[in-house]
PDB file of N, CA and C in Angstrom:
ATOM      1  N   UNK A   1     -25.861  28.806 -11.437  1.00  0.00           N
ATOM      2  CA  UNK A   1     -25.505  27.651 -11.591  1.00  0.00           C
ATOM      3  C   UNK A   1     -24.313  28.280 -12.041  1.00  0.00           C
ATOM      4  N   UNK A   2     -24.758  29.317 -12.794  1.00  0.00           N
ATOM      5  CA  UNK A   2     -22.974  29.510 -13.686  1.00  0.00           C
ATOM      6  C   UNK A   2     -21.755  29.762 -13.133  1.00  0.00           C
ATOM      7  N   UNK A   3     -21.647  30.221 -12.113  1.00  0.00           N
ATOM      8  CA  UNK A   3     -20.927  30.514 -10.949  1.00  0.00           C
ATOM      9  C   UNK A   3     -19.800  29.154 -11.508  1.00  0.00           C
ATOM     10  N   UNK A   4     -20.796  27.691 -11.084  1.00  0.00           N
ATOM     11  CA  UNK A   4     -20.025  26.474 -11.210  1.00  0.00           C
ATOM     12  C   UNK A   4     -18.470  25.994 -12.192  1.00  0.00           C
ATOM     13  N   UNK A   5     -19.116  26.968 -13.435  1.00  0.00           N
ATOM     14  CA  UNK A   5     -18.203  26.994 -14.614  1.00  0.00           C
ATOM     15  C   UNK A   5     -17.124  27.628 -14.278  1.00  0.00           C
ATOM     16  N   UNK A   6     -17.117  28.510 -13.405  1.00  0.00           N
ATOM     17  CA  UNK A   6     -15.275  29.406 -13.348  1.00  0.00           C
ATOM     18  C   UNK A   6     -15.228  28.007 -11.505  1.00  0.00           C
ATOM     19  N   UNK A   7     -15.908  28.154 -10.675  1.00  0.00           N
ATOM     20  CA  UNK A   7     -15.234  27.726  -9.447  1.00  0.00           C
ATOM     21  C   UNK A   7     -15.180  26.363  -8.978  1.00  0.00           C
ATOM     22  N   UNK A   8     -15.156  25.471 -10.497  1.00  0.00           N
ATOM     23  CA  UNK A   8     -14.924  23.491 -10.218  1.00  0.00           C
ATOM     24  C   UNK A   8     -14.071  24.359 -11.141  1.00  0.00           C
ATOM     25  N   UNK A   9     -13.514  25.011 -12.397  1.00  0.00           N
ATOM     26  CA  UNK A   9     -11.913  24.726 -12.950  1.00  0.00           C
ATOM     27  C   UNK A   9     -10.993  25.685 -11.699  1.00  0.00           C
ATOM     28  N   UNK A  10     -11.490  26.539 -10.650  1.00  0.00           N
ATOM     29  CA  UNK A  10     -10.209  27.520 -10.321  1.00  0.00           C
ATOM     30  C   UNK A  10     -10.577  25.918  -8.444  1.00  0.00           C
ATOM     31  N   UNK A  11     -10.964  25.425  -8.324  1.00  0.00           N
ATOM     32  CA  UNK A  11     -10.895  24.580  -7.551  1.00  0.00           C
ATOM     33  C   UNK A  11      -9.831  23.670  -7.972  1.00  0.00           C
ATOM     34  N   UNK A  12     -10.085  23.404  -8.904  1.00  0.00           N
ATOM     35  CA  UNK A  12      -9.074  21.986  -9.398  1.00  0.00           C
ATOM     36  C   UNK A  12      -7.693  22.318  -8.989  1.00  0.00           C
ATOM     37  N   UNK A  13      -7.674  23.129 -10.396  1.00  0.00           N
ATOM     38  CA  UNK A  13      -5.940  23.899 -10.185  1.00  0.00           C
ATOM     39  C   UNK A  13      -5.193  24.253  -8.433  1.00  0.00           C
ATOM     40  N   UNK A  14      -6.578  25.047  -7.918  1.00  0.00           N
ATOM     41  CA  UNK A  14      -5.758  24.666  -6.863  1.00  0.00           C
ATOM     42  C   UNK A  14      -5.377  23.540  -5.788  1.00  0.00           C
ATOM     43  N   UNK A  15      -6.098  22.614  -6.251  1.00  0.00           N
ATOM     44  CA  UNK A  15      -5.304  21.081  -5.631  1.00  0.00           C
ATOM     45  C   UNK A  15      -5.180  20.578  -6.510  1.00  0.00           C
ATOM     46  N   UNK A  16      -4.690  20.632  -7.773  1.00  0.00           N
ATOM     47  CA  UNK A  16      -3.655  19.553  -8.536  1.00  0.00           C
ATOM     48  C   UNK A  16      -2.036  20.657  -7.825  1.00  0.00           C
ATOM     49  N   UNK A  17      -2.503  21.944  -7.444  1.00  0.00           N
ATOM     50  CA  UNK A  17      -1.442  22.925  -7.099  1.00  0.00           C
ATOM     51  C   UNK A  17      -0.475  23.036  -6.096  1.00  0.00           C
ATOM     52  N   UNK A  18      -2.012  22.338  -4.940  1.00  0.00           N
ATOM     53  CA  UNK A  18      -1.368  21.812  -3.575  1.00  0.00           C
ATOM     54  C   UNK A  18      -0.722  20.315  -3.169  1.00  0.00           C
ATOM     55  N   UNK A  19      -1.424  19.209  -4.680  1.00  0.00           N
ATOM     56  CA  UNK A  19      -0.454  18.494  -4.777  1.00  0.00           C
ATOM     57  C   UNK A  19       1.249  18.314  -5.416  1.00  0.00           C
ATOM     58  N   UNK A  20       1.475  19.664  -6.406  1.00  0.00           N
ATOM     59  CA  UNK A  20       2.422  19.760  -6.372  1.00  0.00           C
ATOM     60  C   UNK A  20       3.563  20.217  -5.608  1.00  0.00           C
ATOM     61  N   UNK A  21       2.553  21.240  -4.739  1.00  0.00           N
ATOM     62  CA  UNK A  21       3.503  21.435  -3.625  1.00  0.00           C
ATOM     63  C   UNK A  21       3.998  20.253  -2.504  1.00  0.00           C
ATOM     64  N   UNK A  22       2.912  19.872  -2.965  1.00  0.00           N
ATOM     65  CA  UNK A  22       3.853  18.294  -1.652  1.00  0.00           C
ATOM     66  C   UNK A  22       4.612  17.024  -2.284  1.00  0.00           C
ATOM     67  N   UNK A  23       4.575  16.990  -3.925  1.00  0.00           N
ATOM     68  CA  UNK A  23       5.026  15.955  -3.625  1.00  0.00           C
ATOM     69  C   UNK A  23       6.202  16.716  -4.464  1.00  0.00           C
ATOM     70  N   UNK A  24       6.559  17.844  -4.421  1.00  0.00           N
ATOM     71  CA  UNK A  24       8.082  18.815  -4.868  1.00  0.00           C
ATOM     72  C   UNK A  24       8.428  18.349  -3.598  1.00  0.00           C
ATOM     73  N   UNK A  25       7.735  18.795  -2.708  1.00  0.00           N
ATOM     74  CA  UNK A  25       8.795  18.897  -0.831  1.00  0.00           C
ATOM     75  C   UNK A  25       8.988  17.161   0.001  1.00  0.00           C
ATOM     76  N   UNK A  26       8.385  16.516  -1.255  1.00  0.00           N
ATOM     77  CA  UNK A  26       8.521  15.131  -0.724  1.00  0.00           C
ATOM     78  C   UNK A  26       9.585  13.845  -1.257  1.00  0.00           C
ATOM     79  N   UNK A  27      10.166  15.171  -2.933  1.00  0.00           N
ATOM     80  CA  UNK A  27      11.027  14.949  -3.642  1.00  0.00           C
ATOM     81  C   UNK A  27      12.670  15.488  -2.974  1.00  0.00           C
ATOM     82  N   UNK A  28      11.964  16.803  -2.697  1.00  0.00           N
ATOM     83  CA  UNK A  28      13.912  17.371  -1.951  1.00  0.00           C
ATOM     84  C   UNK A  28      13.664  17.013  -0.533  1.00  0.00           C
ATOM     85  N   UNK A  29      13.258  15.882   0.035  1.00  0.00           N
ATOM     86  CA  UNK A  29      14.072  15.401   0.717  1.00  0.00           C
ATOM     87  C   UNK A  29      13.431  16.651   1.686  1.00  0.00           C
ATOM     88  N   UNK A  30      12.017  17.022   2.316  1.00  0.00           N
ATOM     89  CA  UNK A  30      11.911  18.099   3.318  1.00  0.00           C
ATOM     90  C   UNK A  30      11.527  17.519   4.429  1.00  0.00           C
ATOM     91  N   UNK A  31      11.177  16.467   4.928  1.00  0.00           N
ATOM     92  CA  UNK A  31      10.729  16.193   5.722  1.00  0.00           C
ATOM     93  C   UNK A  31      11.184  14.840   6.349  1.00  0.00           C
ATOM     94  N   UNK A  32      12.657  15.486   6.293  1.00  0.00           N
ATOM     95  CA  UNK A  32      13.780  14.125   6.455  1.00  0.00           C
ATOM     96  C   UNK A  32      14.446  14.902   8.050  1.00  0.00           C
ATOM     97  N   UNK A  33      14.513  14.217   8.915  1.00  0.00           N
ATOM     98  CA  UNK A  33      14.826  14.787   9.498  1.00  0.00           C
ATOM     99  C   UNK A  33      15.945  13.859  10.942  1.00  0.00           C
ATOM    100  N   UNK A  34      17.582  14.753   9.587  1.00  0.00           N
ATOM    101  CA  UNK A  34      19.096  13.564   9.821  1.00  0.00           C
ATOM    102  C   UNK A  34      18.993  13.860  11.534  1.00  0.00           C
ATOM    103  N   UNK A  35      19.195  15.174  11.626  1.00  0.00           N
ATOM    104  CA  UNK A  35      19.822  16.088  12.862  1.00  0.00           C
ATOM    105  C   UNK A  35      18.122  15.896  13.996  1.00  0.00           C
ATOM    106  N   UNK A  36      17.331  16.224  13.890  1.00  0.00           N
ATOM    107  CA  UNK A  36      16.364  15.302  14.798  1.00  0.00           C
ATOM    108  C   UNK A  36      17.135  13.636  16.089  1.00  0.00           C
ATOM    109  N   UNK A  37      16.946  12.910  14.787  1.00  0.00           N
ATOM    110  CA  UNK A  37      17.302  11.524  15.275  1.00  0.00           C
ATOM    111  C   UNK A  37      18.627  11.497  15.466  1.00  0.00           C
ATOM    112  N   UNK A  38      19.407  12.656  15.858  1.00  0.00           N
ATOM    113  CA  UNK A  38      21.097  12.251  16.185  1.00  0.00           C
ATOM    114  C   UNK A  38      20.955  12.497  17.618  1.00  0.00           C
ATOM    115  N   UNK A  39      20.083  13.536  17.332  1.00  0.00           N
ATOM    116  CA  UNK A  39      20.318  13.476  19.311  1.00  0.00           C
ATOM    117  C   UNK A  39      19.117  12.774  20.127  1.00  0.00           C
ATOM    118  N   UNK A  40      18.425  12.441  19.290  1.00  0.00           N
ATOM    119  CA  UNK A  40      17.350  11.939  19.433  1.00  0.00           C
ATOM    120  C   UNK A  40      18.038  10.734  20.484  1.00  0.00           C
ATOM    121  N   UNK A  41      18.940  10.143  19.449  1.00  0.00           N
ATOM    122  CA  UNK A  41      19.410   8.680  19.948  1.00  0.00           C
ATOM    123  C   UNK A  41      20.163   7.962  21.876  1.00  0.00           C
ATOM    124  N   UNK A  42      20.811  10.205  21.266  1.00  0.00           N
ATOM    125  CA  UNK A  42      21.612  10.592  22.259  1.00  0.00           C
ATOM    126  C   UNK A  42      20.338  10.667  24.110  1.00  0.00           C
ATOM    127  N   UNK A  43      19.174  11.114  23.855  1.00  0.00           N
ATOM    128  CA  UNK A  43      18.696  11.627  24.825  1.00  0.00           C
ATOM    129  C   UNK A  43      17.971  10.702  26.266  1.00  0.00           C
ATOM    130  N   UNK A  44      18.266  10.723  27.023  1.00  0.00           N
ATOM    131  CA  UNK A  44      17.971  10.162  27.910  1.00  0.00           C
ATOM    132  C   UNK A  44      16.665  10.065  29.046  1.00  0.00           C
ATOM    133  N   UNK A  45      15.199  10.890  27.636  1.00  0.00           N
ATOM    134  CA  UNK A  45      14.282  10.830  28.679  1.00  0.00           C
ATOM    135  C   UNK A  45      13.527   9.509  27.011  1.00  0.00           C
ATOM    136  N   UNK A  46      12.564   9.311  27.854  1.00  0.00           N
ATOM    137  CA  UNK A  46      11.686   8.484  27.548  1.00  0.00           C
ATOM    138  C   UNK A  46      10.537   8.522  27.380  1.00  0.00           C
ATOM    139  N   UNK A  47      10.143   8.325  26.356  1.00  0.00           N
ATOM    140  CA  UNK A  47       8.475   8.933  25.860  1.00  0.00           C
ATOM    141  C   UNK A  47       7.553   8.284  26.097  1.00  0.00           C
ATOM    142  N   UNK A  48       7.708   6.183  26.373  1.00  0.00           N
ATOM    143  CA  UNK A  48       6.530   5.904  26.842  1.00  0.00           C
ATOM    144  C   UNK A  48       5.993   6.361  27.756  1.00  0.00           C
ATOM    145  N   UNK A  49       6.863   6.947  29.258  1.00  0.00           N
ATOM    146  CA  UNK A  49       6.038   7.602  30.085  1.00  0.00           C
ATOM    147  C   UNK A  49       5.956   8.882  30.889  1.00  0.00           C
ATOM    148  N   UNK A  50       4.829   9.138  31.237  1.00  0.00           N
ATOM    149  CA  UNK A  50       4.606  11.049  31.209  1.00  0.00           C
ATOM    150  C   UNK A  50       5.366  11.178  31.721  1.00  0.00           C
ATOM    151  N   UNK A  51       6.145  12.677  32.320  1.00  0.00           N
ATOM    152  CA  UNK A  51       6.991  13.035  32.843  1.00  0.00           C
ATOM    153  C   UNK A  51       6.006  13.494  34.010  1.00  0.00           C
ATOM    154  N   UNK A  52       7.438  13.495  35.053  1.00  0.00           N
ATOM    155  CA  UNK A  52       6.951  13.343  36.482  1.00  0.00           C
ATOM    156  C   UNK A  52       7.220  14.402  37.168  1.00  0.00           C
TER     157      UNK A  52
END
């Protein structure tokens, strides 16, 4: 039972650390794919139908 006194704060710290890293990546535009959008608009490939 004494181990929970150690494990709960450690797990909360790691959870908040992961949340902080995710929020940082959102603020610094890590998920924007401007280069890919430029190439996809010019592509002849139709993703609605499976490849033949």
